[in-house]
Amino acid sequence: MVPSPAAPQPDEAARLFAGRKAIVDAGCGTGRHTAFLANAGFTVVGIDASEAMLEVARSRVPDVQFEVGDVFSWRPPAPVDGVLCRGVFNDITDDEQRQRGLDALFDYLRPGGLLVLSVREIEKSRARYAREPVLTRSEGGVFFRSEAHFVGDIVVVEETLSSEDARADHRFEMKPWSLTEVADRAAAAGFTRIERRIEADRIVAACVR
């Protein structure tokens, strides 16, 4: 149902991590980026809170280590060279928890290690959902519908996934980020160099410990 991953694309993630070896894909989902990084020669560990997602990831790259865990409490056995975290922090709407999450990712890294973080940008997201509040897709007899709207700075999303004989409804909330918030929270976590750019409705940040 997702035709292509959001920024950074897998090849860009590999380019950003060039010269590094041990990488954690935090919130790896079904392992699309994990697989690309592993095939590019990195030693990757994928973590996700969803066992169902990890089952798909393991089938995609059986030789890669995947673990059930959340970004707050999970830690690698030894500090790593890089961390990729795409989209996870959109779903953290509490300010204290957003900071706690970045603090945790900082702890994963060795000195000089690189965090590549991707989150939604608030004003671009506001414009996107005002322009296109409803998204529909169908593939292989499965129909997907998503409707989103802002309530203050929170995006409320209602999704339906249905087929001929089944239907599932899901409602969740997201809180997009500003460039300033990314910089301020990364600095508060201890990152010494922070570079940010906007691609479509996403912020991509490269943060060095």
Foldseek 3Di string as FASTA:
>chain_A
DDPADDPPHLVVVLVVCPPFAEEEEAQCFLPPSVVSNVVVHHQYEYEHQDPVRVVNNCVVPVVHHYDYDHLQPDEDPDAGQEYEYEAPQQQVPDPVVSLSSLLSRVRNHDAFHKYKYKFFAQVLVQVVCVVPQWDWDDDPQKIKIKGWHDDDQKIWIWMWIDGPPDIDIDIGITGTDHPVVVVVSNVVSPFDDKDWDDDRRMIIIMTGD
